[in-house]
PDB file of N, CA and C in Angstrom:
ATOM      1  N   UNK A   1      -2.099   6.143 -15.874  1.00  0.00           N
ATOM      2  CA  UNK A   1      -2.874   6.939 -14.938  1.00  0.00           C
ATOM      3  C   UNK A   1      -2.233   8.310 -14.818  1.00  0.00           C
ATOM      4  N   UNK A   2      -3.059   9.356 -14.881  1.00  0.00           N
ATOM      5  CA  UNK A   2      -2.485  10.690 -14.811  1.00  0.00           C
ATOM      6  C   UNK A   2      -2.099  11.039 -13.380  1.00  0.00           C
ATOM      7  N   UNK A   3      -1.152  11.927 -13.251  1.00  0.00           N
ATOM      8  CA  UNK A   3      -0.629  12.345 -11.951  1.00  0.00           C
ATOM      9  C   UNK A   3      -1.675  13.155 -11.219  1.00  0.00           C
ATOM     10  N   UNK A   4      -1.971  12.753  -9.995  1.00  0.00           N
ATOM     11  CA  UNK A   4      -2.886  13.498  -9.135  1.00  0.00           C
ATOM     12  C   UNK A   4      -2.089  14.360  -8.171  1.00  0.00           C
ATOM     13  N   UNK A   5      -2.778  14.981  -7.273  1.00  0.00           N
ATOM     14  CA  UNK A   5      -2.060  15.777  -6.286  1.00  0.00           C
ATOM     15  C   UNK A   5      -1.408  14.852  -5.268  1.00  0.00           C
ATOM     16  N   UNK A   6      -0.290  15.276  -4.750  1.00  0.00           N
ATOM     17  CA  UNK A   6       0.430  14.486  -3.766  1.00  0.00           C
ATOM     18  C   UNK A   6      -0.330  14.507  -2.449  1.00  0.00           C
ATOM     19  N   UNK A   7      -0.574  13.335  -1.908  1.00  0.00           N
ATOM     20  CA  UNK A   7      -1.267  13.207  -0.635  1.00  0.00           C
ATOM     21  C   UNK A   7      -0.283  13.347   0.530  1.00  0.00           C
ATOM     22  N   UNK A   8      -0.751  13.949   1.601  1.00  0.00           N
ATOM     23  CA  UNK A   8      -0.012  13.881   2.861  1.00  0.00           C
ATOM     24  C   UNK A   8      -0.133  12.455   3.383  1.00  0.00           C
ATOM     25  N   UNK A   9       0.623  12.140   4.387  1.00  0.00           N
ATOM     26  CA  UNK A   9       0.528  10.795   4.953  1.00  0.00           C
ATOM     27  C   UNK A   9      -0.884  10.548   5.462  1.00  0.00           C
ATOM     28  N   UNK A  10      -1.453  11.505   6.170  1.00  0.00           N
ATOM     29  CA  UNK A  10      -2.796  11.284   6.714  1.00  0.00           C
ATOM     30  C   UNK A  10      -3.834  11.138   5.613  1.00  0.00           C
ATOM     31  N   UNK A  11      -3.700  11.876   4.528  1.00  0.00           N
ATOM     32  CA  UNK A  11      -4.629  11.729   3.402  1.00  0.00           C
ATOM     33  C   UNK A  11      -4.514  10.337   2.790  1.00  0.00           C
ATOM     34  N   UNK A  12      -3.291   9.813   2.675  1.00  0.00           N
ATOM     35  CA  UNK A  12      -3.113   8.469   2.117  1.00  0.00           C
ATOM     36  C   UNK A  12      -3.684   7.420   3.064  1.00  0.00           C
ATOM     37  N   UNK A  13      -3.445   7.559   4.347  1.00  0.00           N
ATOM     38  CA  UNK A  13      -4.011   6.625   5.316  1.00  0.00           C
ATOM     39  C   UNK A  13      -5.538   6.653   5.227  1.00  0.00           C
ATOM     40  N   UNK A  14      -6.124   7.843   5.176  1.00  0.00           N
ATOM     41  CA  UNK A  14      -7.582   7.962   5.083  1.00  0.00           C
ATOM     42  C   UNK A  14      -8.120   7.296   3.818  1.00  0.00           C
ATOM     43  N   UNK A  15      -7.442   7.512   2.684  1.00  0.00           N
ATOM     44  CA  UNK A  15      -7.885   6.913   1.416  1.00  0.00           C
ATOM     45  C   UNK A  15      -7.813   5.391   1.489  1.00  0.00           C
ATOM     46  N   UNK A  16      -6.742   4.857   2.055  1.00  0.00           N
ATOM     47  CA  UNK A  16      -6.597   3.401   2.178  1.00  0.00           C
ATOM     48  C   UNK A  16      -7.639   2.832   3.129  1.00  0.00           C
ATOM     49  N   UNK A  17      -7.883   3.502   4.251  1.00  0.00           N
ATOM     50  CA  UNK A  17      -8.886   3.016   5.210  1.00  0.00           C
ATOM     51  C   UNK A  17     -10.277   3.017   4.601  1.00  0.00           C
ATOM     52  N   UNK A  18     -10.557   4.010   3.779  1.00  0.00           N
ATOM     53  CA  UNK A  18     -11.881   4.066   3.128  1.00  0.00           C
ATOM     54  C   UNK A  18     -12.029   2.941   2.101  1.00  0.00           C
ATOM     55  N   UNK A  19     -10.985   2.713   1.305  1.00  0.00           N
ATOM     56  CA  UNK A  19     -11.044   1.692   0.254  1.00  0.00           C
ATOM     57  C   UNK A  19     -10.935   0.270   0.812  1.00  0.00           C
ATOM     58  N   UNK A  20     -10.160   0.098   1.876  1.00  0.00           N
ATOM     59  CA  UNK A  20      -9.881  -1.236   2.441  1.00  0.00           C
ATOM     60  C   UNK A  20     -10.046  -1.193   3.953  1.00  0.00           C
ATOM     61  N   UNK A  21     -11.278  -1.131   4.449  1.00  0.00           N
ATOM     62  CA  UNK A  21     -11.511  -0.935   5.884  1.00  0.00           C
ATOM     63  C   UNK A  21     -10.959  -2.044   6.784  1.00  0.00           C
ATOM     64  N   UNK A  22     -10.722  -3.240   6.249  1.00  0.00           N
ATOM     65  CA  UNK A  22     -10.191  -4.322   7.087  1.00  0.00           C
ATOM     66  C   UNK A  22      -8.668  -4.389   7.072  1.00  0.00           C
ATOM     67  N   UNK A  23      -8.030  -3.601   6.237  1.00  0.00           N
ATOM     68  CA  UNK A  23      -6.567  -3.625   6.093  1.00  0.00           C
ATOM     69  C   UNK A  23      -5.895  -3.048   7.335  1.00  0.00           C
ATOM     70  N   UNK A  24      -4.859  -3.748   7.835  1.00  0.00           N
ATOM     71  CA  UNK A  24      -4.062  -3.208   8.937  1.00  0.00           C
ATOM     72  C   UNK A  24      -3.226  -2.050   8.394  1.00  0.00           C
ATOM     73  N   UNK A  25      -3.353  -0.884   9.033  1.00  0.00           N
ATOM     74  CA  UNK A  25      -2.615   0.306   8.625  1.00  0.00           C
ATOM     75  C   UNK A  25      -2.119   1.012   9.876  1.00  0.00           C
ATOM     76  N   UNK A  26      -0.837   1.334   9.904  1.00  0.00           N
ATOM     77  CA  UNK A  26      -0.267   2.081  11.018  1.00  0.00           C
ATOM     78  C   UNK A  26       0.853   2.956  10.466  1.00  0.00           C
ATOM     79  N   UNK A  27       1.677   3.485  11.339  1.00  0.00           N
ATOM     80  CA  UNK A  27       2.789   4.323  10.904  1.00  0.00           C
ATOM     81  C   UNK A  27       4.110   3.576  11.049  1.00  0.00           C
ATOM     82  N   UNK A  28       5.092   4.005  10.302  1.00  0.00           N
ATOM     83  CA  UNK A  28       6.413   3.383  10.425  1.00  0.00           C
ATOM     84  C   UNK A  28       7.043   3.703  11.778  1.00  0.00           C
ATOM     85  N   UNK A  29       6.621   4.785  12.403  1.00  0.00           N
ATOM     86  CA  UNK A  29       7.107   5.078  13.759  1.00  0.00           C
ATOM     87  C   UNK A  29       6.705   3.966  14.718  1.00  0.00           C
ATOM     88  N   UNK A  30       5.482   3.459  14.558  1.00  0.00           N
ATOM     89  CA  UNK A  30       5.006   2.349  15.398  1.00  0.00           C
ATOM     90  C   UNK A  30       5.771   1.065  15.097  1.00  0.00           C
ATOM     91  N   UNK A  31       6.172   0.878  13.867  1.00  0.00           N
ATOM     92  CA  UNK A  31       6.876  -0.348  13.472  1.00  0.00           C
ATOM     93  C   UNK A  31       8.332  -0.331  13.907  1.00  0.00           C
ATOM     94  N   UNK A  32       9.042   0.731  13.538  1.00  0.00           N
ATOM     95  CA  UNK A  32      10.494   0.730  13.753  1.00  0.00           C
ATOM     96  C   UNK A  32      11.060   2.025  14.293  1.00  0.00           C
ATOM     97  N   UNK A  33      10.212   3.030  14.431  1.00  0.00           N
ATOM     98  CA  UNK A  33      10.685   4.339  14.864  1.00  0.00           C
ATOM     99  C   UNK A  33      11.089   5.239  13.707  1.00  0.00           C
ATOM    100  N   UNK A  34      11.180   4.699  12.497  1.00  0.00           N
ATOM    101  CA  UNK A  34      11.522   5.490  11.323  1.00  0.00           C
ATOM    102  C   UNK A  34      10.342   6.408  10.981  1.00  0.00           C
ATOM    103  N   UNK A  35      10.612   7.672  10.776  1.00  0.00           N
ATOM    104  CA  UNK A  35       9.551   8.646  10.579  1.00  0.00           C
ATOM    105  C   UNK A  35       9.073   8.763   9.136  1.00  0.00           C
ATOM    106  N   UNK A  36       7.780   9.052   8.979  1.00  0.00           N
ATOM    107  CA  UNK A  36       7.242   9.490   7.711  1.00  0.00           C
ATOM    108  C   UNK A  36       6.512   8.495   6.849  1.00  0.00           C
ATOM    109  N   UNK A  37       6.611   7.209   7.127  1.00  0.00           N
ATOM    110  CA  UNK A  37       5.995   6.205   6.258  1.00  0.00           C
ATOM    111  C   UNK A  37       4.718   5.617   6.833  1.00  0.00           C
ATOM    112  N   UNK A  38       4.149   4.722   6.058  1.00  0.00           N
ATOM    113  CA  UNK A  38       2.933   4.009   6.441  1.00  0.00           C
ATOM    114  C   UNK A  38       3.252   2.515   6.453  1.00  0.00           C
ATOM    115  N   UNK A  39       2.891   1.859   7.527  1.00  0.00           N
ATOM    116  CA  UNK A  39       3.124   0.430   7.727  1.00  0.00           C
ATOM    117  C   UNK A  39       1.829  -0.320   7.454  1.00  0.00           C
ATOM    118  N   UNK A  40       1.898  -1.353   6.585  1.00  0.00           N
ATOM    119  CA  UNK A  40       0.733  -2.162   6.263  1.00  0.00           C
ATOM    120  C   UNK A  40       1.090  -3.647   6.367  1.00  0.00           C
ATOM    121  N   UNK A  41       0.076  -4.442   6.640  1.00  0.00           N
ATOM    122  CA  UNK A  41       0.266  -5.886   6.622  1.00  0.00           C
ATOM    123  C   UNK A  41       0.182  -6.366   5.184  1.00  0.00           C
ATOM    124  N   UNK A  42       1.157  -7.155   4.778  1.00  0.00           N
ATOM    125  CA  UNK A  42       1.140  -7.723   3.452  1.00  0.00           C
ATOM    126  C   UNK A  42       0.539  -9.109   3.410  1.00  0.00           C
ATOM    127  N   UNK A  43       0.032  -9.566   4.573  1.00  0.00           N
ATOM    128  CA  UNK A  43      -0.438 -10.951   4.646  1.00  0.00           C
ATOM    129  C   UNK A  43      -1.792 -11.113   5.316  1.00  0.00           C
ATOM    130  N   UNK A  44      -2.541 -10.031   5.485  1.00  0.00           N
ATOM    131  CA  UNK A  44      -3.816 -10.186   6.180  1.00  0.00           C
ATOM    132  C   UNK A  44      -4.962 -10.582   5.256  1.00  0.00           C
ATOM    133  N   UNK A  45      -4.690 -10.710   3.959  1.00  0.00           N
ATOM    134  CA  UNK A  45      -5.687 -11.228   3.031  1.00  0.00           C
ATOM    135  C   UNK A  45      -6.708 -10.220   2.524  1.00  0.00           C
ATOM    136  N   UNK A  46      -6.472  -8.948   2.730  1.00  0.00           N
ATOM    137  CA  UNK A  46      -7.392  -7.921   2.246  1.00  0.00           C
ATOM    138  C   UNK A  46      -7.536  -8.019   0.729  1.00  0.00           C
ATOM    139  N   UNK A  47      -8.767  -7.920   0.249  1.00  0.00           N
ATOM    140  CA  UNK A  47      -9.031  -8.025  -1.185  1.00  0.00           C
ATOM    141  C   UNK A  47      -9.669  -6.746  -1.708  1.00  0.00           C
ATOM    142  N   UNK A  48      -9.551  -6.547  -3.026  1.00  0.00           N
ATOM    143  CA  UNK A  48     -10.185  -5.401  -3.677  1.00  0.00           C
ATOM    144  C   UNK A  48     -11.643  -5.746  -4.007  1.00  0.00           C
ATOM    145  N   UNK A  49     -12.312  -4.859  -4.719  1.00  0.00           N
ATOM    146  CA  UNK A  49     -13.737  -5.062  -5.056  1.00  0.00           C
ATOM    147  C   UNK A  49     -13.976  -6.303  -5.912  1.00  0.00           C
ATOM    148  N   UNK A  50     -12.955  -6.747  -6.622  1.00  0.00           N
ATOM    149  CA  UNK A  50     -13.092  -7.934  -7.473  1.00  0.00           C
ATOM    150  C   UNK A  50     -12.695  -9.216  -6.746  1.00  0.00           C
ATOM    151  N   UNK A  51     -12.332  -9.099  -5.465  1.00  0.00           N
ATOM    152  CA  UNK A  51     -11.943 -10.272  -4.690  1.00  0.00           C
ATOM    153  C   UNK A  51     -10.493 -10.666  -4.850  1.00  0.00           C
ATOM    154  N   UNK A  52      -9.666  -9.797  -5.416  1.00  0.00           N
ATOM    155  CA  UNK A  52      -8.238 -10.067  -5.622  1.00  0.00           C
ATOM    156  C   UNK A  52      -7.457  -9.521  -4.426  1.00  0.00           C
ATOM    157  N   UNK A  53      -6.559 -10.343  -3.883  1.00  0.00           N
ATOM    158  CA  UNK A  53      -5.730  -9.866  -2.781  1.00  0.00           C
ATOM    159  C   UNK A  53      -4.938  -8.647  -3.226  1.00  0.00           C
ATOM    160  N   UNK A  54      -4.914  -7.615  -2.378  1.00  0.00           N
ATOM    161  CA  UNK A  54      -4.195  -6.402  -2.766  1.00  0.00           C
ATOM    162  C   UNK A  54      -2.684  -6.583  -2.664  1.00  0.00           C
ATOM    163  N   UNK A  55      -2.235  -7.502  -1.801  1.00  0.00           N
ATOM    164  CA  UNK A  55      -0.813  -7.801  -1.696  1.00  0.00           C
ATOM    165  C   UNK A  55      -0.596  -9.296  -1.861  1.00  0.00           C
ATOM    166  N   UNK A  56       0.398  -9.647  -2.647  1.00  0.00           N
ATOM    167  CA  UNK A  56       0.769 -11.045  -2.818  1.00  0.00           C
ATOM    168  C   UNK A  56       2.260 -11.058  -3.179  1.00  0.00           C
ATOM    169  N   UNK A  57       3.075 -11.122  -2.171  1.00  0.00           N
ATOM    170  CA  UNK A  57       4.530 -11.008  -2.299  1.00  0.00           C
ATOM    171  C   UNK A  57       5.103 -11.939  -3.370  1.00  0.00           C
ATOM    172  N   UNK A  58       4.540 -13.132  -3.497  1.00  0.00           N
ATOM    173  CA  UNK A  58       5.102 -14.145  -4.388  1.00  0.00           C
ATOM    174  C   UNK A  58       4.494 -14.163  -5.785  1.00  0.00           C
ATOM    175  N   UNK A  59       3.454 -13.389  -6.029  1.00  0.00           N
ATOM    176  CA  UNK A  59       2.773 -13.421  -7.328  1.00  0.00           C
ATOM    177  C   UNK A  59       3.567 -12.654  -8.371  1.00  0.00           C
ATOM    178  N   UNK A  60       3.855 -13.302  -9.482  1.00  0.00           N
ATOM    179  CA  UNK A  60       4.636 -12.699 -10.563  1.00  0.00           C
ATOM    180  C   UNK A  60       3.789 -12.432 -11.804  1.00  0.00           C
ATOM    181  N   UNK A  61       2.462 -12.507 -11.683  1.00  0.00           N
ATOM    182  CA  UNK A  61       1.593 -12.297 -12.848  1.00  0.00           C
ATOM    183  C   UNK A  61       1.495 -10.820 -13.199  1.00  0.00           C
ATOM    184  N   UNK A  62       0.910 -10.556 -14.364  1.00  0.00           N
ATOM    185  CA  UNK A  62       0.713  -9.184 -14.831  1.00  0.00           C
ATOM    186  C   UNK A  62      -0.290  -8.414 -13.961  1.00  0.00           C
ATOM    187  N   UNK A  63      -1.042  -9.137 -13.150  1.00  0.00           N
ATOM    188  CA  UNK A  63      -2.031  -8.511 -12.282  1.00  0.00           C
ATOM    189  C   UNK A  63      -1.357  -7.738 -11.138  1.00  0.00           C
ATOM    190  N   UNK A  64      -0.095  -8.055 -10.874  1.00  0.00           N
ATOM    191  CA  UNK A  64       0.645  -7.448  -9.768  1.00  0.00           C
ATOM    192  C   UNK A  64       1.898  -6.738 -10.268  1.00  0.00           C
ATOM    193  N   UNK A  65       2.278  -5.686  -9.551  1.00  0.00           N
ATOM    194  CA  UNK A  65       3.537  -5.001  -9.787  1.00  0.00           C
ATOM    195  C   UNK A  65       4.352  -5.150  -8.499  1.00  0.00           C
ATOM    196  N   UNK A  66       5.357  -5.992  -8.551  1.00  0.00           N
ATOM    197  CA  UNK A  66       6.197  -6.271  -7.384  1.00  0.00           C
ATOM    198  C   UNK A  66       5.372  -6.642  -6.154  1.00  0.00           C
ATOM    199  N   UNK A  67       4.378  -7.513  -6.373  1.00  0.00           N
ATOM    200  CA  UNK A  67       3.581  -8.036  -5.274  1.00  0.00           C
ATOM    201  C   UNK A  67       2.413  -7.170  -4.828  1.00  0.00           C
ATOM    202  N   UNK A  68       2.172  -6.055  -5.506  1.00  0.00           N
ATOM    203  CA  UNK A  68       1.052  -5.168  -5.179  1.00  0.00           C
ATOM    204  C   UNK A  68       0.110  -5.181  -6.374  1.00  0.00           C
ATOM    205  N   UNK A  69      -1.199  -5.369  -6.117  1.00  0.00           N
ATOM    206  CA  UNK A  69      -2.148  -5.375  -7.223  1.00  0.00           C
ATOM    207  C   UNK A  69      -1.950  -4.086  -8.018  1.00  0.00           C
ATOM    208  N   UNK A  70      -1.885  -4.208  -9.326  1.00  0.00           N
ATOM    209  CA  UNK A  70      -1.441  -3.107 -10.198  1.00  0.00           C
ATOM    210  C   UNK A  70      -2.231  -1.813 -10.002  1.00  0.00           C
ATOM    211  N   UNK A  71      -3.548  -1.907  -9.893  1.00  0.00           N
ATOM    212  CA  UNK A  71      -4.336  -0.672  -9.786  1.00  0.00           C
ATOM    213  C   UNK A  71      -4.032   0.081  -8.489  1.00  0.00           C
ATOM    214  N   UNK A  72      -3.733  -0.630  -7.408  1.00  0.00           N
ATOM    215  CA  UNK A  72      -3.384   0.041  -6.151  1.00  0.00           C
ATOM    216  C   UNK A  72      -2.002   0.669  -6.250  1.00  0.00           C
ATOM    217  N   UNK A  73      -1.070  -0.042  -6.850  1.00  0.00           N
ATOM    218  CA  UNK A  73       0.270   0.505  -7.027  1.00  0.00           C
ATOM    219  C   UNK A  73       0.217   1.794  -7.858  1.00  0.00           C
ATOM    220  N   UNK A  74      -0.563   1.769  -8.925  1.00  0.00           N
ATOM    221  CA  UNK A  74      -0.707   2.954  -9.776  1.00  0.00           C
ATOM    222  C   UNK A  74      -1.374   4.106  -9.029  1.00  0.00           C
ATOM    223  N   UNK A  75      -2.358   3.793  -8.202  1.00  0.00           N
ATOM    224  CA  UNK A  75      -3.052   4.813  -7.430  1.00  0.00           C
ATOM    225  C   UNK A  75      -2.108   5.538  -6.472  1.00  0.00           C
ATOM    226  N   UNK A  76      -1.328   4.769  -5.703  1.00  0.00           N
ATOM    227  CA  UNK A  76      -0.446   5.426  -4.736  1.00  0.00           C
ATOM    228  C   UNK A  76       0.651   6.220  -5.438  1.00  0.00           C
ATOM    229  N   UNK A  77       1.170   5.694  -6.541  1.00  0.00           N
ATOM    230  CA  UNK A  77       2.185   6.433  -7.302  1.00  0.00           C
ATOM    231  C   UNK A  77       1.607   7.732  -7.871  1.00  0.00           C
ATOM    232  N   UNK A  78       0.362   7.675  -8.312  1.00  0.00           N
ATOM    233  CA  UNK A  78      -0.312   8.856  -8.840  1.00  0.00           C
ATOM    234  C   UNK A  78      -0.399   9.958  -7.784  1.00  0.00           C
ATOM    235  N   UNK A  79      -0.448   9.565  -6.530  1.00  0.00           N
ATOM    236  CA  UNK A  79      -0.574  10.515  -5.428  1.00  0.00           C
ATOM    237  C   UNK A  79       0.730  10.721  -4.662  1.00  0.00           C
ATOM    238  N   UNK A  80       1.859  10.337  -5.285  1.00  0.00           N
ATOM    239  CA  UNK A  80       3.160  10.692  -4.749  1.00  0.00           C
ATOM    240  C   UNK A  80       3.752   9.743  -3.730  1.00  0.00           C
ATOM    241  N   UNK A  81       3.348   8.480  -3.734  1.00  0.00           N
ATOM    242  CA  UNK A  81       3.852   7.479  -2.782  1.00  0.00           C
ATOM    243  C   UNK A  81       4.316   6.235  -3.531  1.00  0.00           C
ATOM    244  N   UNK A  82       5.080   5.375  -2.856  1.00  0.00           N
ATOM    245  CA  UNK A  82       5.495   4.103  -3.433  1.00  0.00           C
ATOM    246  C   UNK A  82       5.567   3.036  -2.347  1.00  0.00           C
ATOM    247  N   UNK A  83       5.359   1.797  -2.762  1.00  0.00           N
ATOM    248  CA  UNK A  83       5.429   0.657  -1.857  1.00  0.00           C
ATOM    249  C   UNK A  83       6.860   0.111  -1.784  1.00  0.00           C
ATOM    250  N   UNK A  84       7.216  -0.389  -0.598  1.00  0.00           N
ATOM    251  CA  UNK A  84       8.496  -1.070  -0.395  1.00  0.00           C
ATOM    252  C   UNK A  84       8.270  -2.200   0.592  1.00  0.00           C
ATOM    253  N   UNK A  85       8.585  -3.421   0.165  1.00  0.00           N
ATOM    254  CA  UNK A  85       8.452  -4.579   1.048  1.00  0.00           C
ATOM    255  C   UNK A  85       9.556  -4.552   2.105  1.00  0.00           C
ATOM    256  N   UNK A  86       9.173  -4.848   3.342  1.00  0.00           N
ATOM    257  CA  UNK A  86      10.134  -5.033   4.428  1.00  0.00           C
ATOM    258  C   UNK A  86      10.480  -6.524   4.507  1.00  0.00           C
ATOM    259  N   UNK A  87       9.458  -7.355   4.450  1.00  0.00           N
ATOM    260  CA  UNK A  87       9.582  -8.812   4.334  1.00  0.00           C
ATOM    261  C   UNK A  87       8.282  -9.297   3.691  1.00  0.00           C
ATOM    262  N   UNK A  88       8.113 -10.584   3.539  1.00  0.00           N
ATOM    263  CA  UNK A  88       6.953 -11.103   2.805  1.00  0.00           C
ATOM    264  C   UNK A  88       5.614 -10.792   3.468  1.00  0.00           C
ATOM    265  N   UNK A  89       5.614 -10.386   4.726  1.00  0.00           N
ATOM    266  CA  UNK A  89       4.375 -10.082   5.420  1.00  0.00           C
ATOM    267  C   UNK A  89       4.205  -8.627   5.810  1.00  0.00           C
ATOM    268  N   UNK A  90       5.190  -7.807   5.474  1.00  0.00           N
ATOM    269  CA  UNK A  90       5.181  -6.413   5.902  1.00  0.00           C
ATOM    270  C   UNK A  90       5.548  -5.516   4.734  1.00  0.00           C
ATOM    271  N   UNK A  91       4.720  -4.509   4.489  1.00  0.00           N
ATOM    272  CA  UNK A  91       4.980  -3.603   3.392  1.00  0.00           C
ATOM    273  C   UNK A  91       4.811  -2.167   3.883  1.00  0.00           C
ATOM    274  N   UNK A  92       5.659  -1.288   3.374  1.00  0.00           N
ATOM    275  CA  UNK A  92       5.640   0.118   3.770  1.00  0.00           C
ATOM    276  C   UNK A  92       5.276   0.975   2.582  1.00  0.00           C
ATOM    277  N   UNK A  93       4.736   2.142   2.871  1.00  0.00           N
ATOM    278  CA  UNK A  93       4.489   3.171   1.877  1.00  0.00           C
ATOM    279  C   UNK A  93       5.351   4.378   2.246  1.00  0.00           C
ATOM    280  N   UNK A  94       6.027   4.923   1.243  1.00  0.00           N
ATOM    281  CA  UNK A  94       6.903   6.082   1.442  1.00  0.00           C
ATOM    282  C   UNK A  94       6.571   7.132   0.400  1.00  0.00           C
ATOM    283  N   UNK A  95       6.796   8.384   0.742  1.00  0.00           N
ATOM    284  CA  UNK A  95       6.622   9.472  -0.228  1.00  0.00           C
ATOM    285  C   UNK A  95       7.707   9.381  -1.281  1.00  0.00           C
ATOM    286  N   UNK A  96       7.327   9.632  -2.533  1.00  0.00           N
ATOM    287  CA  UNK A  96       8.298   9.695  -3.624  1.00  0.00           C
ATOM    288  C   UNK A  96       9.212  10.893  -3.457  1.00  0.00           C
TER     289      UNK A  96
END
């Protein structure tokens, strides 16, 4: 995937809310007080257009990159962000 423009935090939140309207999305300030990141639920069962869970902490198949469905991981990286698991049910997004 080619590199896109880097999204601000609000742009990334807006893009995720549009693509996954049922996904829990908040800020890392709300989670722990740490500034600048995006807090997401890794266990709420949100699926993509094909019905595949976007997060699956334990899945080791080629469909996932470190527990994130590959196309979503590539999308956020293309826009200057990366995923980091906090625990099996909590995942954060941080700027690269």
